[in-house]
Structures are given as C-alpha cells and as structure tokens.
C-alpha cells in the first residue's frame, strides 16, 4: 500500500466529513497495488460513514487498463500477449495507458458529503485539471460530449471513475513528461482521430514533481479537503 510521505497538513478530526488522508510515493507503484488500496479504503467508507476520504498521488510502471464493458477493438495488440500488463477494472470508460511521467490521482470520496451526481463529479475532476494547468500558464479545454482535458485539441488528461453506493474510486491521469509511444498501441479512450499530448510539449523540462503539489492543492480546494495523517 502506498505510504504517507512527510507531514501532510494540519491533522484534524478524522471523523470530520472534509478530512482526507493523502498518500504520496517516491517511486513507481504497480497498478494492482494501488487498485487494492483503493478498494480497501472504499470498503472502509462503506463500513463506516465517518471514516476519512483518501487520495493517492503516484506514477505507475507501464500498463494498460480497460474499463468495465470496454471493447477489445480499441487494442492494437493481441490481449493475450500485451506489450505491457493489461488490466480490466471496475471503472467507466475505454482503454487507457499508464506509464512513468504521467501523474495519477485516485480519489476515494463519499459523494454524500458533496453531491450524489457522477456527472457533477466528472466535471469537478476536469475543473481540478483546468485549475492545475492555469497555475502553469496553460489553458485547458473541455470538449463537449467528452470526458477529459485537452490542450490545442490534444488530449493531455484522461478521467475514469467507479463508485459503489456513492463511494468513488479511480480518478484522473495527467500526462506531464511521458513517452507517448505506448499510446500508439491503443485507441485511447476509444476516441478515433484524437491525438494525445503531454504538458512538457508546451513546457519543455516540466516534471511530475513540479506538478504534483499543484494537483494536490487543486484537489483539496475543489473538494474542500483538509489533509490529515493516518491514525
């Protein structure tokens, strides 16, 4: 399970609805490890409505994930012989690619404390990304009818979520400085004719470590979270 790194802000009452545990890691986290951690925390919130929310900020080794009901037709390889580990998981959406240089945020939130509306939640995640890019002097764009974030019509962030009884898991993936070659092995998010980009193409030399605190702060501000240390 990812470990808490350093002091994460003022420790508050963990039963407070706005209290959240922040997990950050210094190395790459295998996808399966992060997925297990999210599901455990989701079950904790299902079992105890006063438990704190949790957020993970991390990077993965190369892998591909397919949402529930996603089509194999968007894979440009034999799924029995993938070029990197392939996982079919319990989120919405089609196939996406995770890899170093991409900053991933997983949020396990109780939407009863916010709004029990997944459309609202997806738009809030997009706004988090817009807020982060604005801090970098970039103008992130929504495309009507699609989920995610674009720069100059190139998709720089994917969003895919799941929920059980309004307790969320999964989240967003922001391409910061990653090698985009692996995206050629798929039709990302099932969107034909849409190209993928990373922020370093607009801001050469930009690294995930520079973006991570911006993302952490934007998530806290957007959802009214107060970071606490795990009890």
Foldseek 3Di string as FASTA:
>chain_A
DADADDDDFDADDQLDQQAEAEGEHDDADAPVVQVVVLVVVLVVCVVPVSGHKYKYKHAHAKEKEAEVVADPVQFLDDQVDDPHHYYYDHKDFGMDITHPQKIFMKIFHQCVLPPLDVVVVQVLLQVLVQQLVVVVVAGWDDDPPDGAIDGPQAGQKDFIWHDDNRTITGTMIGRAPDDCVVVVRGVHRVDPPGHHDHNCVVVPPTGVVVSVVSSVVSVCVSSVHGHHHDD
